[in-house]
Protein backbone atom coordinates (compact mmCIF):
# COMPACT_ATOMS: atom_id res chain seq x y z
CA VAL A 1 -111.91 40.11 -121.95
CA LYS A 2 -114.38 41.45 -123.81
CA GLN A 3 -113.83 43.96 -126.49
CA GLY A 4 -116.35 46.42 -127.20
CA ASP A 5 -118.29 45.15 -124.22
CA LEU A 6 -118.50 48.84 -122.85
CA THR A 7 -121.41 51.08 -120.91
CA GLU A 8 -123.02 53.27 -122.07
CA SER A 9 -120.73 55.87 -119.00
CA GLU A 10 -117.65 54.06 -120.91
CA THR A 11 -118.28 54.62 -123.51
CA ALA A 12 -117.89 58.23 -123.50
CA LEU A 13 -114.91 57.65 -121.35
CA HIS A 14 -113.34 57.37 -124.43
CA LYS A 15 -114.54 59.67 -126.78
CA ALA A 16 -113.14 62.10 -123.28
CA VAL A 17 -110.09 60.55 -123.22
CA GLN A 18 -109.54 60.62 -126.99
CA GLU A 19 -110.31 64.07 -127.41
CA GLY A 20 -108.05 65.04 -124.16
CA ASP A 21 -110.78 66.76 -122.38
CA VAL A 22 -109.84 66.11 -118.15
CA ALA A 23 -112.70 67.43 -116.76
CA GLN A 24 -114.60 65.05 -118.44
CA VAL A 25 -112.55 62.53 -118.09
CA ARG A 26 -112.79 63.41 -114.23
CA THR A 27 -116.51 62.93 -113.98
CA LEU A 28 -117.04 59.69 -115.76
CA LEU A 29 -113.83 58.32 -113.76
CA ASN A 30 -116.11 56.94 -110.84
CA ASN A 31 -118.61 54.88 -113.29
CA VAL A 32 -116.25 52.92 -115.47
CA ARG A 33 -113.73 48.98 -115.43
CA ILE A 34 -110.58 51.77 -115.88
CA ASP A 35 -109.09 48.80 -118.13
CA CYS A 36 -112.51 49.12 -120.57
CA LEU A 37 -111.75 48.28 -123.89
CA ASP A 38 -112.75 49.58 -126.90
CA GLU A 39 -113.59 47.44 -130.52
CA ASN A 40 -109.18 47.21 -130.78
CA GLY A 41 -108.75 46.36 -127.17
CA MET A 42 -107.35 49.35 -125.81
CA THR A 43 -108.02 50.54 -122.66
CA PRO A 44 -108.43 54.45 -121.50
CA LEU A 45 -104.61 54.44 -121.16
CA GLN A 46 -103.53 53.40 -123.70
CA HIS A 47 -105.73 56.12 -125.89
CA ALA A 48 -104.02 58.16 -123.12
CA ALA A 49 -100.44 56.98 -124.57
CA TYR A 50 -100.59 57.01 -127.13
CA ARG A 51 -102.02 60.65 -127.64
CA GLY A 52 -98.95 61.50 -125.75
CA ASN A 53 -101.25 63.56 -123.26
CA TYR A 54 -100.07 63.49 -119.43
CA GLU A 55 -102.38 64.89 -117.45
CA LEU A 56 -104.54 62.05 -118.47
CA CYS A 57 -102.04 59.93 -118.88
CA LYS A 58 -101.57 60.71 -114.73
CA ILE A 59 -104.89 60.52 -114.10
CA ILE A 60 -106.30 56.83 -114.82
CA LEU A 61 -103.21 55.16 -113.49
CA GLU A 62 -103.92 56.60 -110.11
CA CYS A 63 -107.46 55.35 -110.08
CA GLY A 64 -105.41 52.59 -110.69
CA ALA A 65 -105.54 50.85 -114.55
CA ASP A 66 -103.41 48.16 -115.85
CA VAL A 67 -100.31 49.79 -116.82
CA ASN A 68 -99.80 46.67 -119.11
CA SER A 69 -102.66 45.29 -121.22
CA HIS A 70 -101.79 43.37 -123.76
CA TYR A 71 -105.65 43.19 -125.42
CA HIS A 72 -105.29 45.68 -128.27
CA ASP A 73 -105.02 43.92 -131.45
CA SER A 74 -101.47 43.85 -132.42
CA GLY A 75 -100.55 43.36 -128.80
CA TYR A 76 -99.29 46.89 -128.25
CA THR A 77 -98.75 48.54 -125.04
CA ALA A 78 -99.33 51.45 -123.02
CA LEU A 79 -95.49 52.00 -123.61
CA MET A 80 -95.43 51.08 -127.08
CA PHE A 81 -98.22 54.09 -127.85
CA ALA A 82 -96.02 56.39 -126.17
CA GLY A 83 -92.75 55.49 -127.55
CA LEU A 84 -94.67 55.56 -130.59
CA ALA A 85 -95.66 59.65 -129.71
CA GLY A 86 -91.93 60.65 -128.71
CA LYS A 87 -93.25 61.92 -125.46
CA CYS A 88 -90.19 61.17 -123.06
CA ASP A 89 -92.88 62.51 -119.81
CA VAL A 90 -94.84 59.40 -120.89
CA VAL A 91 -92.81 56.91 -121.40
CA SER A 92 -91.24 58.35 -117.51
CA LEU A 93 -94.18 58.28 -116.14
CA LEU A 94 -95.05 54.63 -117.29
CA LEU A 95 -92.01 52.76 -116.27
CA GLU A 96 -92.22 54.57 -112.99
CA HIS A 97 -95.98 53.32 -113.26
CA GLY A 98 -94.40 50.14 -113.38
CA ALA A 99 -94.79 49.30 -117.47
CA SER A 100 -92.79 46.29 -118.71
CA THR A 101 -89.99 46.42 -120.86
CA THR A 102 -89.79 43.83 -121.83
CA ALA A 103 -93.01 43.23 -123.71
CA VAL A 104 -93.89 42.50 -127.01
CA ASN A 105 -96.34 42.74 -129.82
CA THR A 106 -97.51 40.68 -132.33
CA LEU A 107 -94.60 41.54 -133.86
CA GLY A 108 -91.86 40.34 -132.10
CA ARG A 109 -91.45 44.01 -130.78
CA THR A 110 -90.35 46.00 -127.36
CA ALA A 111 -91.62 49.68 -127.13
CA SER A 112 -87.50 50.37 -127.19
CA GLN A 113 -87.53 48.91 -130.90
CA MET A 114 -90.93 51.04 -132.08
CA ALA A 115 -89.09 53.70 -131.17
CA ALA A 116 -86.37 52.94 -132.55
CA PHE A 117 -88.50 52.04 -135.27
CA VAL A 118 -90.00 55.69 -136.16
CA SER A 119 -86.54 57.97 -134.73
CA ASN A 120 -87.65 58.59 -130.85
CA TYR A 121 -84.14 57.99 -130.38
CA ASP A 122 -84.94 60.20 -126.99
CA VAL A 123 -87.42 57.38 -125.69
CA VAL A 124 -84.97 54.26 -126.45
CA SER A 125 -82.30 56.16 -123.69
CA ILE A 126 -84.88 56.19 -121.74
CA ILE A 127 -86.61 53.36 -121.75
CA ASN A 128 -83.15 51.44 -121.73
CA ASN A 129 -81.87 53.83 -119.03
CA PHE A 130 -84.47 52.60 -116.49
CA LEU A 131 -83.69 50.63 -113.65
CA PRO A 132 -87.03 50.02 -111.80
CA LYS A 133 -87.07 52.40 -108.14
CA GLU A 134 -87.11 48.81 -105.71
CA GLU A 135 -83.58 48.15 -106.83
CA LEU A 136 -82.57 51.48 -104.96
CA GLU A 137 -84.99 51.00 -102.15
CA TYR A 138 -83.53 47.29 -101.23
CA TYR A 139 -80.06 49.35 -100.17
CA THR A 140 -82.56 50.89 -98.09
CA ARG A 141 -83.10 48.06 -95.64
CA PRO A 142 -80.51 46.10 -94.17
CA HIS A 143 -80.20 42.23 -95.30
CA GLY A 144 -77.89 39.12 -93.57
CA LEU A 145 -75.74 40.45 -90.40
CA GLU A 146 -75.82 44.48 -91.47
CA LYS A 147 -77.26 46.71 -88.30
CA GLU A 148 -77.45 50.16 -90.58
CA PRO A 149 -78.74 49.65 -94.45
CA LYS A 150 -76.43 50.66 -96.95
CA LEU A 151 -78.38 53.11 -98.15
CA PRO A 152 -79.49 56.03 -95.83
CA VAL A 153 -83.53 56.20 -97.07
CA ALA A 154 -83.28 60.39 -97.53
CA LEU A 155 -80.22 60.10 -100.27
CA CYS A 156 -82.97 57.18 -102.13
CA THR A 157 -84.17 60.10 -104.15
CA PRO A 158 -81.94 62.09 -105.28
CA LEU A 159 -79.76 58.81 -106.17
CA TYR A 160 -82.18 57.27 -108.09
CA HIS A 161 -82.98 61.15 -110.72
CA LEU A 162 -79.05 60.42 -110.81
CA VAL A 163 -78.82 57.11 -111.06
CA LEU A 164 -82.30 57.63 -114.55
CA ARG A 165 -80.51 60.45 -115.72
CA THR A 166 -79.64 59.84 -119.64
CA ASN A 167 -76.60 63.08 -120.12
CA ILE A 168 -73.47 60.75 -118.09
CA HIS A 169 -71.07 64.44 -118.94
CA PRO A 170 -68.88 64.55 -115.86
CA VAL A 171 -69.19 68.18 -115.37
CA SER A 172 -73.09 67.72 -115.62
CA ILE A 173 -73.17 65.51 -112.30
CA ALA A 174 -71.20 67.40 -110.86
CA LEU A 175 -73.52 70.28 -111.63
CA TYR A 176 -75.65 68.04 -110.49
CA LEU A 177 -74.10 67.21 -107.39
CA GLN A 178 -73.67 71.04 -105.84
CA GLU A 179 -76.59 71.17 -106.16
CA ARG A 180 -76.80 67.93 -103.51
CA ARG A 181 -74.06 67.88 -101.68
CA LYS A 182 -75.33 65.03 -99.61
CA LEU A 183 -74.34 62.42 -101.95
CA LEU A 184 -70.66 63.35 -102.36
CA VAL A 185 -70.77 60.53 -99.46
CA GLU A 186 -69.00 57.21 -99.52
CA ASP A 187 -72.28 55.57 -99.25
CA ILE A 188 -73.61 56.97 -102.92
CA GLU A 189 -70.11 55.59 -104.75
CA ARG A 190 -70.55 51.86 -102.45
CA VAL A 191 -74.14 51.48 -103.73
CA LEU A 192 -73.01 52.35 -107.05
CA LYS A 193 -70.50 50.18 -107.52
CA LEU A 194 -72.70 46.96 -106.59
CA LEU A 195 -75.59 48.37 -108.87
CA CYS A 196 -72.65 48.23 -111.60
CA GLU A 197 -72.07 45.00 -110.15
CA LYS A 198 -75.83 43.69 -109.77
CA GLN A 199 -75.79 44.88 -113.98
CA MET A 200 -73.24 42.59 -114.37
CA LYS A 201 -74.43 39.43 -112.65
CA ALA A 202 -77.02 38.95 -113.91
CA SER A 203 -78.89 35.59 -113.81
CA SER A 204 -80.09 36.41 -117.43
CA GLU A 205 -78.29 37.88 -119.14
CA PRO A 206 -75.06 41.23 -118.42
CA ASN A 207 -76.62 44.60 -118.66
CA GLU A 208 -73.67 45.87 -119.89
CA MET A 209 -74.24 49.32 -120.16
CA LEU A 210 -75.60 50.05 -117.16
CA ALA A 211 -73.17 47.72 -115.23
CA LEU A 212 -70.89 50.95 -117.26
CA LYS A 213 -72.94 53.72 -116.72
CA PHE A 214 -73.34 53.27 -113.43
CA HIS A 215 -68.73 52.96 -112.43
CA HIS A 216 -69.16 55.89 -114.55
CA LEU A 217 -70.86 57.19 -111.87
CA ALA A 218 -69.87 55.81 -109.68
CA PHE A 219 -66.44 57.68 -110.51
CA VAL A 220 -67.15 60.73 -111.51
CA VAL A 221 -69.60 61.05 -107.73
CA GLY A 222 -65.46 59.56 -105.83
CA LEU A 223 -63.56 62.21 -107.88
CA CYS A 224 -66.40 64.82 -106.85
CA ARG A 225 -66.42 63.60 -102.81
CA LYS A 226 -62.49 64.55 -103.13
CA ALA A 227 -63.22 68.05 -104.01
CA ASP A 228 -63.71 70.57 -101.28
CA ASP A 229 -65.48 72.61 -103.70
CA LEU A 230 -66.52 71.33 -107.12
CA GLN A 231 -66.37 74.83 -109.25
CA PRO A 232 -63.00 74.21 -109.55
CA LEU A 233 -62.95 70.82 -110.71
CA ILE A 234 -65.29 71.58 -113.26
CA LYS A 235 -63.37 74.86 -114.28
CA SER A 236 -60.23 72.05 -114.82
CA TRP A 237 -62.83 69.90 -117.00
CA LEU A 238 -64.19 72.43 -119.37
CA LYS A 239 -60.87 74.24 -120.31
CA GLY A 240 -59.33 73.98 -123.18
CA ARG A 241 -55.82 73.72 -124.56
CA ASP A 242 -54.57 77.16 -126.18
CA GLU A 243 -54.52 75.78 -129.59
CA ASP A 244 -57.61 74.76 -129.81
CA GLY A 245 -59.81 74.89 -127.02
CA PHE A 246 -59.60 71.27 -126.76
CA PRO A 247 -60.41 70.33 -123.67
CA VAL A 248 -57.75 67.47 -122.72
CA GLN A 249 -57.92 66.89 -118.97
CA LEU A 250 -61.76 65.99 -119.67
CA GLU A 251 -60.18 63.27 -121.84
CA LYS A 252 -58.03 61.72 -119.53
CA VAL A 253 -60.28 61.86 -117.34
CA LEU A 254 -62.52 59.56 -119.09
CA ARG A 255 -59.98 57.00 -120.35
CA GLN A 256 -58.99 56.80 -117.10
CA CYS A 257 -63.00 56.21 -115.84
CA VAL A 258 -63.07 53.48 -118.98
CA ARG A 259 -59.02 52.42 -117.86
CA GLU A 260 -60.85 51.12 -114.18
CA PHE A 261 -64.30 49.43 -115.56
CA PRO A 262 -63.36 46.08 -113.77
CA TYR A 263 -64.79 43.51 -116.06
CA ARG A 264 -62.26 43.18 -118.67
CA GLU A 265 -64.54 40.42 -120.59
CA CYS A 266 -67.29 42.93 -120.91
CA GLY A 267 -68.45 42.82 -124.85
CA LEU A 268 -68.60 46.72 -124.59
CA LEU A 269 -65.55 47.64 -122.20
CA GLN A 270 -63.32 46.09 -124.81
CA GLN A 271 -65.09 48.13 -127.53
CA LEU A 272 -64.73 51.07 -126.36
CA VAL A 273 -61.14 50.44 -126.04
CA HIS A 274 -60.16 49.18 -128.66
CA THR A 275 -62.23 52.51 -130.83
CA LEU A 276 -60.75 55.37 -128.27
CA SER A 277 -56.84 53.75 -128.39
CA ALA A 278 -56.64 54.37 -132.14
CA VAL A 279 -57.32 58.18 -131.43
CA GLN A 280 -55.28 60.66 -129.92
CA ILE A 281 -55.82 62.97 -127.32
CA GLY A 282 -57.56 66.09 -129.43
CA ASP A 283 -59.27 64.15 -132.35
CA GLU A 284 -62.45 62.33 -132.96
CA PRO A 285 -64.44 61.08 -131.89
CA SER A 286 -63.31 61.93 -127.86
CA ALA A 287 -64.15 59.56 -125.27
CA ILE A 288 -67.12 61.84 -124.19
CA SER A 289 -68.74 61.67 -127.38
CA ILE A 290 -67.92 57.33 -127.21
CA LEU A 291 -69.23 57.25 -123.73
CA THR A 292 -72.43 58.60 -124.50
CA GLU A 293 -73.47 56.94 -127.38
CA ALA A 294 -72.75 53.98 -125.71
CA VAL A 295 -75.49 55.28 -122.86
CA ARG A 296 -77.76 57.00 -125.46
CA GLY A 297 -77.46 55.14 -128.38
CA GLN A 298 -74.95 54.77 -131.12
CA LYS A 299 -78.21 56.03 -133.70
CA GLY A 300 -79.72 58.63 -130.89
CA LEU A 301 -77.15 60.76 -131.26
CA ASP A 302 -75.90 63.92 -132.19
CA GLN A 303 -72.81 65.37 -130.29
CA SER A 304 -72.98 68.37 -132.98
CA LEU A 305 -76.00 69.48 -131.28
CA SER A 306 -75.21 69.26 -127.58
CA CYS A 307 -74.48 72.17 -124.61
CA THR A 308 -70.77 72.09 -125.17
CA THR A 309 -70.36 72.69 -120.88
CA CYS A 310 -72.48 70.25 -119.87
CA GLY A 311 -73.85 67.66 -123.23
CA GLU A 312 -77.18 68.55 -122.49
CA PRO A 313 -78.85 67.15 -126.03
CA LYS A 314 -80.86 69.58 -128.26
CA ALA A 315 -78.60 72.71 -126.67
CA GLU A 316 -79.88 75.66 -128.86
CA LYS A 317 -78.68 79.02 -127.64
CA ARG A 318 -75.27 79.80 -129.30
CA CYS A 319 -72.59 81.73 -128.89
CA ALA A 320 -73.62 85.57 -130.58
CA SER A 321 -70.39 86.59 -131.36
CA CYS A 322 -69.09 83.67 -132.84
CA LYS A 323 -72.14 80.57 -133.92
CA SER A 324 -69.98 78.35 -133.86
CA VAL A 325 -70.88 76.71 -130.02
CA GLN A 326 -74.03 75.72 -128.54
CA TYR A 327 -75.18 75.64 -125.06
CA CYS A 328 -78.23 75.06 -123.06
CA GLY A 329 -79.02 78.19 -121.59
CA PRO A 330 -76.98 81.43 -120.12
CA PRO A 331 -75.57 78.99 -117.02
CA CYS A 332 -73.19 77.19 -118.44
CA GLN A 333 -72.91 79.61 -121.33
CA ARG A 334 -71.43 81.71 -118.47
CA LEU A 335 -69.17 79.22 -116.99
CA HIS A 336 -67.57 78.17 -120.09
CA TRP A 337 -66.58 81.70 -121.27
CA PHE A 338 -63.24 81.65 -119.50
CA THR A 339 -62.39 79.52 -121.72
CA HIS A 340 -63.82 80.19 -125.09
CA LYS A 341 -63.45 83.72 -125.20
CA LYS A 342 -59.87 82.82 -125.85
CA HIS A 343 -61.52 81.15 -129.16
CA CYS A 344 -64.05 83.29 -130.39
CA ALA A 345 -62.55 85.62 -132.70
CA ARG A 346 -60.87 82.62 -133.86
CA LEU A 347 -64.35 80.84 -134.47
CA GLY A 348 -66.47 83.37 -135.60
CA THR A 349 -63.44 84.09 -138.37
CA GLU A 350 -64.12 80.71 -139.33
CA TYR A 351 -67.82 80.54 -139.29
CA LYS A 352 -68.09 83.37 -141.55
CA LYS A 353 -65.99 81.61 -144.42
CA GLN A 354 -67.59 78.60 -143.65
CA MET A 355 -71.67 80.43 -144.68
CA GLU A 356 -69.67 82.48 -147.49
CA ALA A 357 -68.63 78.58 -148.77
CA LEU A 358 -71.37 77.76 -148.47
CA ARG A 359 -73.45 80.83 -150.11
CA GLN A 360 -71.03 80.87 -152.70
CA GLU A 361 -72.16 76.52 -153.69
CA GLU A 362 -75.57 77.50 -153.28
CA ALA A 363 -74.61 80.59 -155.91
CA GLN A 364 -73.39 77.81 -158.43
CA PRO A 365 -76.23 76.11 -159.56
CA GLN A 366 -78.46 79.55 -160.55
CA SER A 367 -75.50 80.76 -162.30
CA ALA A 368 -74.78 77.62 -164.61
CA THR A 369 -78.75 77.65 -165.83
């Protein structure tokens, strides 16, 4: 494959992609080789990924572009460029189109490692939690002596969206299931357990993180399946104890989930058990923070910025009264109010004291000079 050997239209295509000119790209796509290489060995798709342009990546992929082209001078793939750009939507799009997560550049680094290098931990989490849809679709067909498939075709896509989630907070999972009650069937639990088993028995190397995640999803689906109405179950997980608002029931449920993981020899499990056994219920780190760290990646987690209700990261809305708890939006704030209202005034007083102490601290050096 020759680099930089471009026709006039192909040169114009590369320029249009770099400028983000969607209309011009559409016009030019019919008269070019979709994977034409510029002087650095980059394809139009790689340029679009480098700029984090979702729309252009989608258009180019739909024309049959090679998602794993690796002729770039330093061996970078489109997924590596998207990871460096920190664009989660582009990363997901490339993965769905078959981007390799194991390809390495000339430095021997994968896309996930490149993203971690520039602190794009949300991208790292998406890549590490990815599962090709074919692995789920396998269960929608009967195998061997089976008369019926293990997974009804209609449930494949909603289950796939559940499986790809990087937020594994039970409340978040339950809210997702509440909107998709058709997933509350034994088939779903069974397929999740099979996925867990498959990750642990992988011929190359067990993926302990994904196995633990699939076990956790199966466990939470099982709890939700037993409940006629999910709202009381969700509230039982959110209910804080009287003295400090710590959600004791959620902690107990998560510890039980860890205890029931069937693969006792798993190194990740032993690490979790060791960490949790040293923590009293109500102390930090909580079970949800430890589990979330395991799934999202240790460095990529700032629990203090997560939604108090559902654990969604980067929650930006705070309780207007106490300024001490944050939510991803009004629905989660309303859902949590039944338990938060008992502690709101106390937390507000504590917050004011902290702010006052900070102000005095900042004022001290100035008065000393």
